[in-house]
Amino acid sequence: MKKDVKLLDQLKQRCAWVNDDPLYIAYHDEEWGRPLVEDQKLFELLMLEGMQAGLSWYTILKKRERYREVFDQFDPVKIAAYGEDKVEQLLQDAGIIRNRLKVRAIIHNASIYQQIERNEGSFSSFLWSFVDGKPIINHWTIKSEVPANTLISDQMSTVLKKKGMKFVGSTICYAFMQASGMINDHTLDCFCRNEQTHV
């Protein structure tokens, strides 16, 4: 019976970017494109998307659990209080991307997150306002049609940079919007396409 379920799962049509790693398949099937509204989870996702600059999301996904461990489950209050000793400790950890600029960016961005929360009421409502509070549903048939950025991701990037955040370029913002379900970019042949997309 388990073999039959596994076979059926393997036969499911997915977006073309998914490889055969069960971790990546689970991420695509259970997380990517599903509306995410929890403040701290959105902060975690935005920070991790920034970590993939020059790399790939698959690389970061494999390190995600370690990032959660060493960055206090992405608690912005705790992260914002990190000092130089913590920075050096993080840079010695082979389980994350040991890039000083990227490590410092997460710490810096945690303080900006707190400012946004104070000024906007919640990080979630602030970010979701860029799509008027509901997912944008696209209708791509093949992977090559999916853009790397849009006017909305340009706008999000510009605003976040003005507020002081780092590693939030337009391409990173678009990937974040796709992953958090602000944009549904599952291609039309993907079985996830017809799943719930409401916030």
N, C-alpha and C. Protein backbone atom coordinates (compact mmCIF):
# COMPACT_ATOMS: atom_id res chain seq x y z
N MET A 1 0.83 -1.21 0.00
CA MET A 1 0.00 0.00 0.00
C MET A 1 0.87 1.26 0.00
N LYS A 2 1.91 1.24 0.87
CA LYS A 2 2.82 2.39 0.94
C LYS A 2 3.53 2.62 -0.39
N LYS A 3 3.88 1.49 -1.05
CA LYS A 3 4.56 1.58 -2.35
C LYS A 3 3.65 2.23 -3.38
N ASP A 4 2.36 1.88 -3.33
CA ASP A 4 1.39 2.46 -4.28
C ASP A 4 1.25 3.97 -4.06
N VAL A 5 1.20 4.38 -2.79
CA VAL A 5 1.09 5.81 -2.47
C VAL A 5 2.32 6.55 -2.95
N LYS A 6 3.50 5.93 -2.72
CA LYS A 6 4.76 6.55 -3.14
C LYS A 6 4.82 6.68 -4.66
N LEU A 7 4.36 5.65 -5.36
CA LEU A 7 4.37 5.68 -6.82
C LEU A 7 3.44 6.77 -7.34
N LEU A 8 2.25 6.86 -6.76
CA LEU A 8 1.30 7.90 -7.17
C LEU A 8 1.88 9.29 -6.93
N ASP A 9 2.60 9.43 -5.80
CA ASP A 9 3.21 10.71 -5.47
C ASP A 9 4.28 11.08 -6.50
N GLN A 10 5.05 10.07 -6.92
CA GLN A 10 6.11 10.31 -7.91
C GLN A 10 5.54 10.69 -9.27
N LEU A 11 4.33 10.19 -9.56
CA LEU A 11 3.71 10.45 -10.86
C LEU A 11 3.03 11.83 -10.94
N LYS A 12 2.92 12.50 -9.81
CA LYS A 12 2.30 13.82 -9.81
C LYS A 12 3.11 14.79 -10.66
N GLN A 13 2.41 15.62 -11.40
CA GLN A 13 3.07 16.63 -12.25
C GLN A 13 3.38 17.85 -11.39
N ARG A 14 4.64 18.25 -11.38
CA ARG A 14 5.07 19.38 -10.58
C ARG A 14 5.73 20.45 -11.45
N CYS A 15 5.96 21.61 -10.84
CA CYS A 15 6.68 22.68 -11.54
C CYS A 15 8.06 22.15 -11.96
N ALA A 16 8.54 22.61 -13.09
CA ALA A 16 9.75 22.06 -13.70
C ALA A 16 11.02 22.29 -12.89
N TRP A 17 11.00 23.26 -11.96
CA TRP A 17 12.22 23.55 -11.19
C TRP A 17 12.49 22.54 -10.08
N VAL A 18 11.52 21.68 -9.78
CA VAL A 18 11.68 20.73 -8.67
C VAL A 18 12.56 19.56 -9.10
N ASN A 19 13.56 19.23 -8.26
CA ASN A 19 14.37 18.05 -8.57
C ASN A 19 13.81 16.83 -7.84
N ASP A 20 14.56 15.74 -7.76
CA ASP A 20 14.02 14.51 -7.19
C ASP A 20 14.37 14.31 -5.71
N ASP A 21 14.92 15.33 -5.09
CA ASP A 21 15.23 15.27 -3.66
C ASP A 21 13.92 15.36 -2.86
N PRO A 22 13.64 14.38 -1.98
CA PRO A 22 12.40 14.42 -1.19
C PRO A 22 12.23 15.73 -0.42
N LEU A 23 13.34 16.32 0.02
CA LEU A 23 13.28 17.60 0.74
C LEU A 23 12.72 18.69 -0.15
N TYR A 24 13.19 18.73 -1.39
CA TYR A 24 12.76 19.76 -2.34
C TYR A 24 11.32 19.51 -2.79
N ILE A 25 10.98 18.23 -2.97
CA ILE A 25 9.62 17.88 -3.36
C ILE A 25 8.64 18.30 -2.26
N ALA A 26 8.98 18.00 -1.01
CA ALA A 26 8.11 18.38 0.11
C ALA A 26 7.98 19.89 0.21
N TYR A 27 9.08 20.60 -0.03
CA TYR A 27 9.03 22.07 0.01
C TYR A 27 8.07 22.60 -1.05
N HIS A 28 8.18 22.07 -2.26
CA HIS A 28 7.29 22.49 -3.35
C HIS A 28 5.84 22.15 -3.04
N ASP A 29 5.60 20.92 -2.59
CA ASP A 29 4.24 20.43 -2.40
C ASP A 29 3.53 21.07 -1.21
N GLU A 30 4.29 21.33 -0.14
CA GLU A 30 3.67 21.73 1.12
C GLU A 30 3.88 23.19 1.51
N GLU A 31 4.85 23.86 0.89
CA GLU A 31 5.15 25.23 1.32
C GLU A 31 5.09 26.27 0.20
N TRP A 32 5.81 26.02 -0.88
CA TRP A 32 5.99 27.04 -1.91
C TRP A 32 4.66 27.46 -2.53
N GLY A 33 4.39 28.74 -2.49
CA GLY A 33 3.17 29.26 -3.10
C GLY A 33 1.96 29.25 -2.19
N ARG A 34 2.10 28.69 -0.99
CA ARG A 34 0.98 28.69 -0.04
C ARG A 34 1.04 29.97 0.79
N PRO A 35 -0.06 30.69 0.90
CA PRO A 35 -0.06 31.97 1.61
C PRO A 35 0.47 31.87 3.04
N LEU A 36 1.49 32.66 3.30
CA LEU A 36 2.13 32.70 4.61
C LEU A 36 1.87 34.08 5.22
N VAL A 37 1.34 34.10 6.42
CA VAL A 37 0.95 35.39 7.02
C VAL A 37 1.56 35.66 8.39
N GLU A 38 2.26 34.69 8.95
CA GLU A 38 2.84 34.88 10.28
C GLU A 38 4.08 35.77 10.18
N ASP A 39 4.11 36.82 10.98
CA ASP A 39 5.20 37.80 10.92
C ASP A 39 6.60 37.18 10.95
N GLN A 40 6.87 36.39 11.97
CA GLN A 40 8.21 35.85 12.14
C GLN A 40 8.58 34.87 11.04
N LYS A 41 7.61 34.10 10.55
CA LYS A 41 7.88 33.18 9.44
C LYS A 41 8.19 33.94 8.15
N LEU A 42 7.51 35.07 7.96
CA LEU A 42 7.79 35.90 6.79
C LEU A 42 9.20 36.50 6.89
N PHE A 43 9.57 36.90 8.10
CA PHE A 43 10.92 37.42 8.31
C PHE A 43 11.95 36.35 8.00
N GLU A 44 11.73 35.14 8.52
CA GLU A 44 12.64 34.03 8.24
C GLU A 44 12.77 33.80 6.73
N LEU A 45 11.65 33.73 6.05
CA LEU A 45 11.67 33.45 4.62
C LEU A 45 12.39 34.55 3.85
N LEU A 46 12.12 35.81 4.18
CA LEU A 46 12.78 36.91 3.47
C LEU A 46 14.29 36.88 3.70
N MET A 47 14.70 36.57 4.94
CA MET A 47 16.13 36.50 5.24
C MET A 47 16.79 35.34 4.49
N LEU A 48 16.14 34.19 4.46
CA LEU A 48 16.71 33.04 3.76
C LEU A 48 16.75 33.26 2.25
N GLU A 49 15.74 33.93 1.71
CA GLU A 49 15.77 34.26 0.27
C GLU A 49 16.99 35.14 -0.02
N GLY A 50 17.28 36.05 0.88
CA GLY A 50 18.46 36.91 0.71
C GLY A 50 19.76 36.13 0.74
N MET A 51 19.77 35.05 1.51
CA MET A 51 20.98 34.23 1.61
C MET A 51 21.31 33.52 0.31
N GLN A 52 20.32 33.33 -0.57
CA GLN A 52 20.57 32.60 -1.81
C GLN A 52 21.19 33.48 -2.89
N ALA A 53 21.39 34.77 -2.62
CA ALA A 53 22.01 35.66 -3.61
C ALA A 53 23.34 35.06 -4.09
N GLY A 54 23.45 34.83 -5.38
CA GLY A 54 24.65 34.24 -5.97
C GLY A 54 24.69 32.72 -5.85
N LEU A 55 23.69 32.15 -5.20
CA LEU A 55 23.63 30.70 -5.01
C LEU A 55 22.30 30.19 -5.57
N SER A 56 21.68 29.23 -4.90
CA SER A 56 20.37 28.73 -5.32
C SER A 56 19.53 28.48 -4.08
N TRP A 57 18.21 28.48 -4.25
CA TRP A 57 17.35 28.22 -3.11
C TRP A 57 17.55 26.79 -2.60
N TYR A 58 17.82 25.86 -3.48
CA TYR A 58 18.05 24.48 -3.07
C TYR A 58 19.21 24.40 -2.08
N THR A 59 20.27 25.16 -2.35
CA THR A 59 21.43 25.21 -1.45
C THR A 59 21.02 25.70 -0.07
N ILE A 60 20.20 26.75 -0.04
CA ILE A 60 19.77 27.33 1.23
C ILE A 60 18.79 26.40 1.95
N LEU A 61 17.88 25.79 1.19
CA LEU A 61 16.89 24.90 1.80
C LEU A 61 17.56 23.78 2.57
N LYS A 62 18.64 23.24 2.03
CA LYS A 62 19.35 22.15 2.69
C LYS A 62 20.00 22.62 4.00
N LYS A 63 20.22 23.92 4.11
CA LYS A 63 20.84 24.49 5.31
C LYS A 63 19.81 25.17 6.23
N ARG A 64 18.54 25.15 5.85
CA ARG A 64 17.53 25.91 6.58
C ARG A 64 17.43 25.53 8.05
N GLU A 65 17.43 24.24 8.34
CA GLU A 65 17.30 23.82 9.74
C GLU A 65 18.46 24.32 10.58
N ARG A 66 19.65 24.32 10.02
CA ARG A 66 20.81 24.83 10.75
C ARG A 66 20.69 26.34 10.96
N TYR A 67 20.22 27.05 9.95
CA TYR A 67 19.99 28.49 10.10
C TYR A 67 19.02 28.75 11.26
N ARG A 68 17.96 27.96 11.33
CA ARG A 68 16.98 28.14 12.39
C ARG A 68 17.61 27.91 13.77
N GLU A 69 18.48 26.92 13.84
CA GLU A 69 19.14 26.61 15.11
C GLU A 69 20.05 27.76 15.56
N VAL A 70 20.90 28.23 14.67
CA VAL A 70 21.91 29.22 15.08
C VAL A 70 21.37 30.65 15.12
N PHE A 71 20.23 30.90 14.47
CA PHE A 71 19.62 32.23 14.50
C PHE A 71 18.35 32.26 15.36
N ASP A 72 18.35 31.44 16.43
CA ASP A 72 17.25 31.48 17.41
C ASP A 72 15.87 31.43 16.77
N GLN A 73 15.70 30.49 15.83
CA GLN A 73 14.41 30.32 15.15
C GLN A 73 13.93 31.62 14.50
N PHE A 74 14.89 32.45 14.13
CA PHE A 74 14.63 33.74 13.47
C PHE A 74 13.75 34.66 14.31
N ASP A 75 14.03 34.68 15.60
CA ASP A 75 13.38 35.62 16.50
C ASP A 75 14.07 36.98 16.32
N PRO A 76 13.40 37.96 15.72
CA PRO A 76 14.04 39.25 15.43
C PRO A 76 14.57 39.97 16.68
N VAL A 77 13.88 39.84 17.80
CA VAL A 77 14.31 40.52 19.03
C VAL A 77 15.66 39.96 19.49
N LYS A 78 15.79 38.64 19.46
CA LYS A 78 17.06 38.01 19.87
C LYS A 78 18.18 38.32 18.87
N ILE A 79 17.85 38.24 17.58
CA ILE A 79 18.86 38.46 16.54
C ILE A 79 19.39 39.90 16.58
N ALA A 80 18.50 40.86 16.77
CA ALA A 80 18.91 42.26 16.78
C ALA A 80 19.90 42.56 17.90
N ALA A 81 19.91 41.71 18.93
CA ALA A 81 20.80 41.92 20.07
C ALA A 81 22.17 41.23 19.91
N TYR A 82 22.38 40.54 18.80
CA TYR A 82 23.66 39.85 18.59
C TYR A 82 24.81 40.85 18.57
N GLY A 83 25.91 40.45 19.21
CA GLY A 83 27.12 41.27 19.20
C GLY A 83 28.18 40.66 18.31
N GLU A 84 29.39 41.22 18.38
CA GLU A 84 30.49 40.76 17.53
C GLU A 84 30.90 39.32 17.82
N ASP A 85 30.81 38.92 19.09
CA ASP A 85 31.17 37.53 19.43
C ASP A 85 30.27 36.55 18.70
N LYS A 86 28.98 36.89 18.63
CA LYS A 86 28.02 36.02 17.95
C LYS A 86 28.30 36.00 16.44
N VAL A 87 28.64 37.15 15.88
CA VAL A 87 28.97 37.21 14.45
C VAL A 87 30.13 36.27 14.14
N GLU A 88 31.18 36.34 14.95
CA GLU A 88 32.35 35.49 14.71
C GLU A 88 32.00 34.01 14.90
N GLN A 89 31.15 33.73 15.86
CA GLN A 89 30.70 32.35 16.08
C GLN A 89 29.94 31.84 14.86
N LEU A 90 29.06 32.66 14.32
CA LEU A 90 28.29 32.27 13.15
C LEU A 90 29.19 32.02 11.94
N LEU A 91 30.21 32.84 11.82
CA LEU A 91 31.11 32.72 10.66
C LEU A 91 31.98 31.46 10.72
N GLN A 92 32.00 30.80 11.87
CA GLN A 92 32.75 29.55 12.00
C GLN A 92 31.86 28.33 11.78
N ASP A 93 30.56 28.57 11.59
CA ASP A 93 29.60 27.47 11.47
C ASP A 93 29.49 27.00 10.02
N ALA A 94 29.95 25.80 9.76
CA ALA A 94 29.93 25.26 8.39
C ALA A 94 28.53 24.91 7.91
N GLY A 95 27.55 24.95 8.82
CA GLY A 95 26.18 24.60 8.44
C GLY A 95 25.41 25.70 7.76
N ILE A 96 25.99 26.92 7.74
CA ILE A 96 25.34 28.05 7.06
C ILE A 96 26.29 28.63 6.03
N ILE A 97 25.83 29.62 5.30
CA ILE A 97 26.70 30.31 4.34
C ILE A 97 27.57 31.29 5.13
N ARG A 98 28.87 31.03 5.15
CA ARG A 98 29.77 31.83 5.98
C ARG A 98 30.25 33.08 5.22
N ASN A 99 29.31 33.95 5.01
CA ASN A 99 29.57 35.21 4.32
C ASN A 99 29.29 36.33 5.31
N ARG A 100 30.30 37.12 5.64
CA ARG A 100 30.17 38.14 6.66
C ARG A 100 29.07 39.15 6.35
N LEU A 101 28.99 39.57 5.10
CA LEU A 101 27.97 40.55 4.72
C LEU A 101 26.56 39.99 4.92
N LYS A 102 26.39 38.71 4.57
CA LYS A 102 25.07 38.09 4.69
C LYS A 102 24.69 37.87 6.16
N VAL A 103 25.65 37.45 6.96
CA VAL A 103 25.38 37.26 8.39
C VAL A 103 25.02 38.58 9.04
N ARG A 104 25.79 39.60 8.75
CA ARG A 104 25.51 40.92 9.32
C ARG A 104 24.17 41.47 8.82
N ALA A 105 23.81 41.14 7.59
CA ALA A 105 22.55 41.63 7.02
C ALA A 105 21.35 41.09 7.81
N ILE A 106 21.39 39.82 8.20
CA ILE A 106 20.28 39.26 8.98
C ILE A 106 20.14 39.99 10.31
N ILE A 107 21.27 40.25 10.96
CA ILE A 107 21.25 40.95 12.25
C ILE A 107 20.73 42.38 12.07
N HIS A 108 21.24 43.06 11.07
CA HIS A 108 20.80 44.42 10.77
C HIS A 108 19.30 44.45 10.43
N ASN A 109 18.89 43.52 9.58
CA ASN A 109 17.49 43.49 9.13
C ASN A 109 16.52 43.18 10.26
N ALA A 110 16.99 42.49 11.30
CA ALA A 110 16.12 42.21 12.45
C ALA A 110 15.71 43.50 13.13
N SER A 111 16.63 44.46 13.17
CA SER A 111 16.30 45.78 13.77
C SER A 111 15.32 46.54 12.89
N ILE A 112 15.50 46.43 11.57
CA ILE A 112 14.58 47.10 10.64
C ILE A 112 13.19 46.47 10.74
N TYR A 113 13.15 45.16 10.88
CA TYR A 113 11.88 44.44 11.07
C TYR A 113 11.12 45.03 12.26
N GLN A 114 11.82 45.24 13.36
CA GLN A 114 11.18 45.78 14.56
C GLN A 114 10.63 47.19 14.32
N GLN A 115 11.37 47.96 13.56
CA GLN A 115 10.91 49.31 13.22
C GLN A 115 9.64 49.25 12.38
N ILE A 116 9.63 48.34 11.41
CA ILE A 116 8.45 48.19 10.54
C ILE A 116 7.24 47.76 11.37
N GLU A 117 7.45 46.82 12.27
CA GLU A 117 6.35 46.38 13.14
C GLU A 117 5.79 47.54 13.96
N ARG A 118 6.69 48.35 14.51
CA ARG A 118 6.23 49.49 15.32
C ARG A 118 5.46 50.50 14.47
N ASN A 119 5.94 50.73 13.27
CA ASN A 119 5.35 51.76 12.42
C ASN A 119 4.12 51.30 11.63
N GLU A 120 4.11 50.01 11.27
CA GLU A 120 3.06 49.50 10.38
C GLU A 120 2.03 48.61 11.09
N GLY A 121 2.29 48.25 12.33
CA GLY A 121 1.36 47.38 13.05
C GLY A 121 1.76 45.92 12.97
N SER A 122 2.09 45.45 11.78
CA SER A 122 2.61 44.08 11.62
C SER A 122 3.43 43.99 10.34
N PHE A 123 4.42 43.12 10.38
CA PHE A 123 5.28 42.90 9.22
C PHE A 123 4.46 42.28 8.10
N SER A 124 3.56 41.38 8.47
CA SER A 124 2.73 40.68 7.50
C SER A 124 1.82 41.63 6.71
N SER A 125 1.09 42.46 7.42
CA SER A 125 0.17 43.38 6.73
C SER A 125 0.93 44.36 5.84
N PHE A 126 2.11 44.76 6.30
CA PHE A 126 2.96 45.65 5.50
C PHE A 126 3.35 44.98 4.19
N LEU A 127 3.85 43.75 4.26
CA LEU A 127 4.30 43.05 3.05
C LEU A 127 3.13 42.68 2.13
N TRP A 128 2.05 42.18 2.72
CA TRP A 128 0.89 41.78 1.90
C TRP A 128 0.20 42.97 1.24
N SER A 129 0.47 44.17 1.74
CA SER A 129 -0.14 45.36 1.12
C SER A 129 0.35 45.57 -0.31
N PHE A 130 1.51 45.00 -0.63
CA PHE A 130 2.04 45.16 -1.99
C PHE A 130 1.20 44.40 -3.02
N VAL A 131 0.41 43.42 -2.55
CA VAL A 131 -0.48 42.68 -3.45
C VAL A 131 -1.94 42.88 -3.02
N ASP A 132 -2.18 43.99 -2.34
CA ASP A 132 -3.53 44.34 -1.87
C ASP A 132 -4.16 43.24 -1.01
N GLY A 133 -3.33 42.53 -0.26
CA GLY A 133 -3.84 41.58 0.72
C GLY A 133 -4.32 40.25 0.18
N LYS A 134 -4.14 40.00 -1.12
CA LYS A 134 -4.58 38.70 -1.67
C LYS A 134 -3.61 38.24 -2.76
N PRO A 135 -3.48 36.92 -2.92
CA PRO A 135 -2.51 36.39 -3.88
C PRO A 135 -2.80 36.81 -5.32
N ILE A 136 -1.73 37.07 -6.04
CA ILE A 136 -1.83 37.29 -7.49
C ILE A 136 -1.72 35.91 -8.14
N ILE A 137 -2.70 35.53 -8.93
CA ILE A 137 -2.70 34.21 -9.57
C ILE A 137 -2.25 34.35 -11.02
N ASN A 138 -1.09 33.81 -11.32
CA ASN A 138 -0.59 33.86 -12.69
C ASN A 138 -0.96 32.58 -13.44
N HIS A 139 -0.78 32.61 -14.75
CA HIS A 139 -1.22 31.49 -15.59
C HIS A 139 -0.11 31.07 -16.56
N TRP A 140 1.01 30.69 -16.01
CA TRP A 140 2.14 30.28 -16.84
C TRP A 140 2.00 28.81 -17.25
N THR A 141 2.36 28.53 -18.49
CA THR A 141 2.30 27.14 -18.96
C THR A 141 3.65 26.44 -18.85
N ILE A 142 4.74 27.19 -18.99
CA ILE A 142 6.08 26.61 -18.89
C ILE A 142 6.98 27.49 -18.03
N LYS A 143 8.04 26.89 -17.50
CA LYS A 143 8.95 27.55 -16.58
C LYS A 143 9.55 28.83 -17.17
N SER A 144 9.87 28.81 -18.45
CA SER A 144 10.54 29.96 -19.08
C SER A 144 9.67 31.21 -19.13
N GLU A 145 8.37 31.06 -18.95
CA GLU A 145 7.48 32.22 -18.96
C GLU A 145 7.51 32.99 -17.63
N VAL A 146 7.93 32.31 -16.59
CA VAL A 146 7.90 32.91 -15.25
C VAL A 146 8.99 33.98 -15.14
N PRO A 147 8.62 35.21 -14.77
CA PRO A 147 9.61 36.29 -14.70
C PRO A 147 10.51 36.17 -13.48
N ALA A 148 11.64 36.86 -13.52
CA ALA A 148 12.56 36.90 -12.37
C ALA A 148 12.20 38.05 -11.44
N ASN A 149 11.50 39.02 -11.98
CA ASN A 149 11.05 40.17 -11.18
C ASN A 149 9.93 40.88 -11.93
N THR A 150 9.20 41.71 -11.21
CA THR A 150 8.09 42.46 -11.80
C THR A 150 8.09 43.87 -11.22
N LEU A 151 7.17 44.67 -11.68
CA LEU A 151 7.05 46.03 -11.14
C LEU A 151 6.73 46.00 -9.65
N ILE A 152 5.93 45.02 -9.24
CA ILE A 152 5.57 44.92 -7.81
C ILE A 152 6.79 44.53 -6.98
N SER A 153 7.60 43.59 -7.47
CA SER A 153 8.80 43.22 -6.70
C SER A 153 9.80 44.38 -6.71
N ASP A 154 9.82 45.14 -7.81
CA ASP A 154 10.67 46.34 -7.85
C ASP A 154 10.24 47.32 -6.75
N GLN A 155 8.94 47.48 -6.63
CA GLN A 155 8.39 48.40 -5.64
C GLN A 155 8.71 47.92 -4.21
N MET A 156 8.48 46.64 -3.95
CA MET A 156 8.78 46.09 -2.63
C MET A 156 10.25 46.27 -2.28
N SER A 157 11.12 45.97 -3.24
CA SER A 157 12.55 46.11 -3.04
C SER A 157 12.93 47.56 -2.71
N THR A 158 12.38 48.48 -3.48
CA THR A 158 12.69 49.90 -3.27
C THR A 158 12.27 50.36 -1.88
N VAL A 159 11.07 49.97 -1.47
CA VAL A 159 10.57 50.39 -0.15
C VAL A 159 11.39 49.76 0.97
N LEU A 160 11.69 48.47 0.86
CA LEU A 160 12.47 47.80 1.90
C LEU A 160 13.87 48.40 2.00
N LYS A 161 14.46 48.72 0.86
CA LYS A 161 15.80 49.34 0.88
C LYS A 161 15.75 50.72 1.52
N LYS A 162 14.71 51.47 1.22
CA LYS A 162 14.57 52.80 1.82
C LYS A 162 14.43 52.72 3.33
N LYS A 163 13.82 51.62 3.79
CA LYS A 163 13.66 51.42 5.23
C LYS A 163 14.95 50.91 5.86
N GLY A 164 15.91 50.54 5.02
CA GLY A 164 17.22 50.15 5.52
C GLY A 164 17.58 48.69 5.39
N MET A 165 16.68 47.87 4.85
CA MET A 165 16.99 46.45 4.74
C MET A 165 18.03 46.16 3.66
N LYS A 166 18.76 45.08 3.88
CA LYS A 166 19.82 44.67 2.94
C LYS A 166 19.52 43.29 2.37
N PHE A 167 20.09 43.01 1.19
CA PHE A 167 19.84 41.76 0.46
C PHE A 167 18.35 41.60 0.16
N VAL A 168 17.76 42.66 -0.34
CA VAL A 168 16.34 42.64 -0.71
C VAL A 168 16.17 43.24 -2.10
N GLY A 169 16.99 42.79 -3.05
CA GLY A 169 16.85 43.24 -4.42
C GLY A 169 15.54 42.74 -5.02
N SER A 170 15.20 43.23 -6.18
CA SER A 170 13.92 42.90 -6.80
C SER A 170 13.77 41.40 -7.08
N THR A 171 14.84 40.75 -7.54
CA THR A 171 14.77 39.31 -7.82
C THR A 171 14.55 38.51 -6.54
N ILE A 172 15.22 38.91 -5.47
CA ILE A 172 15.02 38.27 -4.17
C ILE A 172 13.59 38.49 -3.70
N CYS A 173 13.09 39.71 -3.86
CA CYS A 173 11.71 40.01 -3.44
C CYS A 173 10.70 39.19 -4.24
N TYR A 174 10.95 39.02 -5.54
CA TYR A 174 10.00 38.24 -6.34
C TYR A 174 10.00 36.78 -5.89
N ALA A 175 11.19 36.22 -5.66
CA ALA A 175 11.28 34.83 -5.18
C ALA A 175 10.57 34.69 -3.83
N PHE A 176 10.72 35.70 -3.00
CA PHE A 176 10.04 35.71 -1.69
C PHE A 176 8.53 35.75 -1.87
N MET A 177 8.05 36.57 -2.78
CA MET A 177 6.61 36.68 -3.02
C MET A 177 6.04 35.36 -3.57
N GLN A 178 6.80 34.70 -4.42
CA GLN A 178 6.37 33.39 -4.93
C GLN A 178 6.29 32.37 -3.78
N ALA A 179 7.35 32.32 -3.00
CA ALA A 179 7.44 31.32 -1.93
C ALA A 179 6.39 31.54 -0.85
N SER A 180 6.08 32.80 -0.55
CA SER A 180 5.14 33.12 0.53
C SER A 180 3.69 33.12 0.07
N GLY A 181 3.45 32.81 -1.20
CA GLY A 181 2.09 32.73 -1.71
C GLY A 181 1.47 34.06 -2.07
N MET A 182 2.24 35.14 -2.01
CA MET A 182 1.72 36.44 -2.46
C MET A 182 1.48 36.39 -3.96
N ILE A 183 2.26 35.54 -4.61
CA ILE A 183 2.10 35.29 -6.04
C ILE A 183 2.03 33.78 -6.23
N ASN A 184 1.03 33.30 -6.96
CA ASN A 184 0.94 31.88 -7.28
C ASN A 184 1.54 31.66 -8.66
N ASP A 185 2.76 31.14 -8.69
CA ASP A 185 3.44 30.89 -9.95
C ASP A 185 3.58 29.40 -10.25
N HIS A 186 2.76 28.56 -9.62
CA HIS A 186 2.73 27.15 -10.03
C HIS A 186 2.24 27.12 -11.48
N THR A 187 2.96 26.44 -12.34
CA THR A 187 2.55 26.37 -13.74
C THR A 187 1.23 25.59 -13.86
N LEU A 188 0.54 25.79 -14.97
CA LEU A 188 -0.80 25.24 -15.12
C LEU A 188 -0.86 23.72 -15.05
N ASP A 189 0.26 23.05 -15.36
CA ASP A 189 0.28 21.59 -15.33
C ASP A 189 0.61 21.02 -13.95
N CYS A 190 0.92 21.89 -12.99
CA CYS A 190 1.33 21.44 -11.66
C CYS A 190 0.12 21.07 -10.81
N PHE A 191 0.21 19.95 -10.10
CA PHE A 191 -0.94 19.49 -9.32
C PHE A 191 -1.29 20.45 -8.17
N CYS A 192 -0.30 21.25 -7.74
CA CYS A 192 -0.55 22.22 -6.66
C CYS A 192 -1.39 23.40 -7.13
N ARG A 193 -1.49 23.53 -8.41
CA ARG A 193 -2.15 24.67 -9.02
C ARG A 193 -3.57 24.91 -8.47
N ASN A 194 -4.31 23.84 -8.29
CA ASN A 194 -5.71 23.96 -7.91
C ASN A 194 -5.95 23.94 -6.40
N GLU A 195 -4.86 23.93 -5.63
CA GLU A 195 -5.03 23.90 -4.18
C GLU A 195 -5.41 25.29 -3.68
N GLN A 196 -5.81 25.40 -2.43
CA GLN A 196 -6.26 26.67 -1.85
C GLN A 196 -5.17 27.73 -1.97
N THR A 197 -5.58 28.93 -2.36
CA THR A 197 -4.62 30.04 -2.46
C THR A 197 -5.11 31.25 -1.69
N HIS A 198 -6.10 31.04 -0.83
CA HIS A 198 -6.65 32.18 -0.08
C HIS A 198 -5.86 32.43 1.20
N VAL A 199 -5.73 33.69 1.57
CA VAL A 199 -5.06 34.04 2.82
C VAL A 199 -5.99 33.73 3.97
